[in-house]
Each structure stands twice: as structure tokens, then as C-alpha cells.
Amino acid sequence: MKIKEKVHHEDGGKKLVIESVYDNTETINQVDEIRKSGVGQKGDFRHVGRIPMYLLVSWLKEAGVAWGSKEAKEIIRRKMLSGEFDKFRNWKGTY
């Protein structure tokens, strides 16, 4: 959830910069509840985790890939398995 946005100029007014600050507490709490309830952790189809939309947009933009492409799926998979985003995962297995 976005909690703050700051707009300012850089390079002597030539470049407009918008900085956004997000709070992931709500998403992390939802993931904890999903983990505790055991939803989506059995069977062939697993619920791996929840990714805040701003973070997903950032990952895909950084990689320069389009939504829904095979490359996007690979970026999401790699990021979720990296360990850096463990708080967003409710299932700790690999896929």
C-alpha cells in the first residue's frame, strides 16, 4: 500500500522525479494467515505467495519484459525463489 509520494526536480529542473514509499505490512500479514491456514499448499497446484503490484511492475520494468510472457514468468519465479522475498511466500518449496 502506498503511504507517501514525493515529487521534486533534479538536474536543475530538467528532470521530474516521483518517489513513492510503500508499506508491505498488510501483504505480509495476509501471507502469514495463508501459511497458517494451509490454503493452497497441497495437491498439484500450489499458492506460492503474494506479490504487491508495484513490486511486480518494478521487476518486469527492470528486466524489460512484457506482461504475460514466458520471460515474465521466469523473472517472477527467479525473484520468488531468490530468498530476498521470502516474506511474500507462503509455500517454501521449489517450483
C-alpha atoms as a PDB file:
ATOM      1  CA  MET A   1       0.000   0.000   0.000  1.00  0.00           C
ATOM      2  CA  LYS A   2       1.373   3.403  -0.972  1.00  0.00           C
ATOM      3  CA  ILE A   3       1.881   5.580   2.088  1.00  0.00           C
ATOM      4  CA  LYS A   4       3.842   8.514   0.711  1.00  0.00           C
ATOM      5  CA  GLU A   5       4.705  10.193  -2.564  1.00  0.00           C
ATOM      6  CA  LYS A   6       7.273  12.916  -3.064  1.00  0.00           C
ATOM      7  CA  VAL A   7       7.630  14.938  -6.289  1.00  0.00           C
ATOM      8  CA  HIS A   8      10.742  17.006  -6.946  1.00  0.00           C
ATOM      9  CA  HIS A   9      13.059  18.211  -9.727  1.00  0.00           C
ATOM     10  CA  GLU A  10      16.622  17.111 -10.423  1.00  0.00           C
ATOM     11  CA  ASP A  11      19.316  18.327 -12.791  1.00  0.00           C
ATOM     12  CA  GLY A  12      18.438  21.975 -12.288  1.00  0.00           C
ATOM     13  CA  GLY A  13      14.750  21.469 -13.021  1.00  0.00           C
ATOM     14  CA  LYS A  14      15.243  19.415 -16.204  1.00  0.00           C
ATOM     15  CA  LYS A  15      14.066  16.122 -14.739  1.00  0.00           C
ATOM     16  CA  LEU A  16      10.877  15.482 -12.746  1.00  0.00           C
ATOM     17  CA  VAL A  17      11.237  12.686 -10.163  1.00  0.00           C
ATOM     18  CA  ILE A  18       8.363  10.981  -8.365  1.00  0.00           C
ATOM     19  CA  GLU A  19       9.401   8.919  -5.343  1.00  0.00           C
ATOM     20  CA  SER A  20       6.860   6.538  -3.830  1.00  0.00           C
ATOM     21  CA  VAL A  21       7.071   4.842  -0.432  1.00  0.00           C
ATOM     22  CA  TYR A  22       5.139   1.623   0.177  1.00  0.00           C
ATOM     23  CA  ASP A  23       4.178  -0.320   3.308  1.00  0.00           C
ATOM     24  CA  ASN A  24       4.135  -4.096   2.823  1.00  0.00           C
ATOM     25  CA  THR A  25       2.817  -4.952   6.296  1.00  0.00           C
ATOM     26  CA  GLU A  26      -0.690  -5.789   5.070  1.00  0.00           C
ATOM     27  CA  THR A  27       0.575  -8.159   2.359  1.00  0.00           C
ATOM     28  CA  ILE A  28       2.990  -9.860   4.755  1.00  0.00           C
ATOM     29  CA  ASN A  29       0.190 -10.345   7.302  1.00  0.00           C
ATOM     30  CA  GLN A  30      -2.034 -11.871   4.592  1.00  0.00           C
ATOM     31  CA  VAL A  31       0.754 -14.272   3.605  1.00  0.00           C
ATOM     32  CA  ASP A  32       1.191 -15.296   7.257  1.00  0.00           C
ATOM     33  CA  GLU A  33      -2.536 -16.034   7.535  1.00  0.00           C
ATOM     34  CA  ILE A  34      -2.486 -18.089   4.317  1.00  0.00           C
ATOM     35  CA  ARG A  35       0.546 -20.030   5.607  1.00  0.00           C
ATOM     36  CA  LYS A  36      -1.119 -20.737   8.968  1.00  0.00           C
ATOM     37  CA  SER A  37      -4.393 -21.873   7.384  1.00  0.00           C
ATOM     38  CA  GLY A  38      -2.640 -24.202   4.932  1.00  0.00           C
ATOM     39  CA  VAL A  39      -4.602 -22.956   1.927  1.00  0.00           C
ATOM     40  CA  GLY A  40      -3.045 -23.843  -1.432  1.00  0.00           C
ATOM     41  CA  GLN A  41      -0.250 -25.979  -0.006  1.00  0.00           C
ATOM     42  CA  LYS A  42      -1.461 -29.421  -1.113  1.00  0.00           C
ATOM     43  CA  GLY A  43      -2.033 -31.031  -4.487  1.00  0.00           C
ATOM     44  CA  ASP A  44      -0.621 -30.315  -7.919  1.00  0.00           C
ATOM     45  CA  PHE A  45      -1.344 -26.581  -7.883  1.00  0.00           C
ATOM     46  CA  ARG A  46       0.372 -24.549  -5.150  1.00  0.00           C
ATOM     47  CA  HIS A  47      -0.190 -20.999  -3.974  1.00  0.00           C
ATOM     48  CA  VAL A  48       3.403 -19.834  -3.742  1.00  0.00           C
ATOM     49  CA  GLY A  49       2.894 -16.311  -2.406  1.00  0.00           C
ATOM     50  CA  ARG A  50       1.573 -12.802  -2.921  1.00  0.00           C
ATOM     51  CA  ILE A  51       3.448 -10.089  -4.762  1.00  0.00           C
ATOM     52  CA  PRO A  52       2.435  -6.439  -4.336  1.00  0.00           C
ATOM     53  CA  MET A  53       1.601  -4.980  -7.748  1.00  0.00           C
ATOM     54  CA  TYR A  54       4.106  -2.121  -7.509  1.00  0.00           C
ATOM     55  CA  LEU A  55       6.881  -4.666  -6.901  1.00  0.00           C
ATOM     56  CA  LEU A  56       5.804  -6.848  -9.824  1.00  0.00           C
ATOM     57  CA  VAL A  57       5.729  -3.817 -12.135  1.00  0.00           C
ATOM     58  CA  SER A  58       9.198  -2.871 -10.919  1.00  0.00           C
ATOM     59  CA  TRP A  59      10.617  -6.364 -11.584  1.00  0.00           C
ATOM     60  CA  LEU A  60       9.204  -6.545 -15.111  1.00  0.00           C
ATOM     61  CA  LYS A  61      10.225  -2.989 -15.983  1.00  0.00           C
ATOM     62  CA  GLU A  62      13.742  -3.598 -14.659  1.00  0.00           C
ATOM     63  CA  ALA A  63      14.037  -6.746 -16.807  1.00  0.00           C
ATOM     64  CA  GLY A  64      12.416  -5.071 -19.820  1.00  0.00           C
ATOM     65  CA  VAL A  65       9.867  -7.832 -20.404  1.00  0.00           C
ATOM     66  CA  ALA A  66       6.151  -7.723 -21.223  1.00  0.00           C
ATOM     67  CA  TRP A  67       3.273  -8.889 -19.016  1.00  0.00           C
ATOM     68  CA  GLY A  68       2.218 -12.497 -19.515  1.00  0.00           C
ATOM     69  CA  SER A  69       5.293 -13.514 -21.482  1.00  0.00           C
ATOM     70  CA  LYS A  70       7.409 -16.592 -20.763  1.00  0.00           C
ATOM     71  CA  GLU A  71      10.209 -14.273 -19.706  1.00  0.00           C
ATOM     72  CA  ALA A  72       7.925 -12.558 -17.168  1.00  0.00           C
ATOM     73  CA  LYS A  73       7.039 -15.914 -15.622  1.00  0.00           C
ATOM     74  CA  GLU A  74      10.740 -16.742 -15.354  1.00  0.00           C
ATOM     75  CA  ILE A  75      11.530 -13.366 -13.740  1.00  0.00           C
ATOM     76  CA  ILE A  76       8.783 -13.898 -11.136  1.00  0.00           C
ATOM     77  CA  ARG A  77       9.942 -17.448 -10.462  1.00  0.00           C
ATOM     78  CA  ARG A  78      13.578 -16.397 -10.074  1.00  0.00           C
ATOM     79  CA  LYS A  79      12.754 -13.473  -7.763  1.00  0.00           C
ATOM     80  CA  MET A  80      10.423 -15.538  -5.557  1.00  0.00           C
ATOM     81  CA  LEU A  81      12.990 -18.341  -5.196  1.00  0.00           C
ATOM     82  CA  SER A  82      15.917 -15.978  -4.559  1.00  0.00           C
ATOM     83  CA  GLY A  83      15.312 -15.767  -0.813  1.00  0.00           C
ATOM     84  CA  GLU A  84      15.228 -11.981  -0.886  1.00  0.00           C
ATOM     85  CA  PHE A  85      11.425 -12.006  -0.973  1.00  0.00           C
ATOM     86  CA  ASP A  86      10.710 -14.869   1.474  1.00  0.00           C
ATOM     87  CA  LYS A  87       8.252 -12.760   3.445  1.00  0.00           C
ATOM     88  CA  PHE A  88       5.918 -12.775   0.441  1.00  0.00           C
ATOM     89  CA  ARG A  89       5.969 -16.591   0.152  1.00  0.00           C
ATOM     90  CA  ASN A  90       3.547 -18.841   1.995  1.00  0.00           C
ATOM     91  CA  TRP A  91       4.839 -22.099   0.463  1.00  0.00           C
ATOM     92  CA  LYS A  92       8.583 -22.691   0.908  1.00  0.00           C
ATOM     93  CA  GLY A  93       9.017 -25.413  -1.727  1.00  0.00           C
ATOM     94  CA  THR A  94      10.582 -25.001  -5.166  1.00  0.00           C
ATOM     95  CA  TYR A  95       8.726 -24.928  -8.436  1.00  0.00           C
END
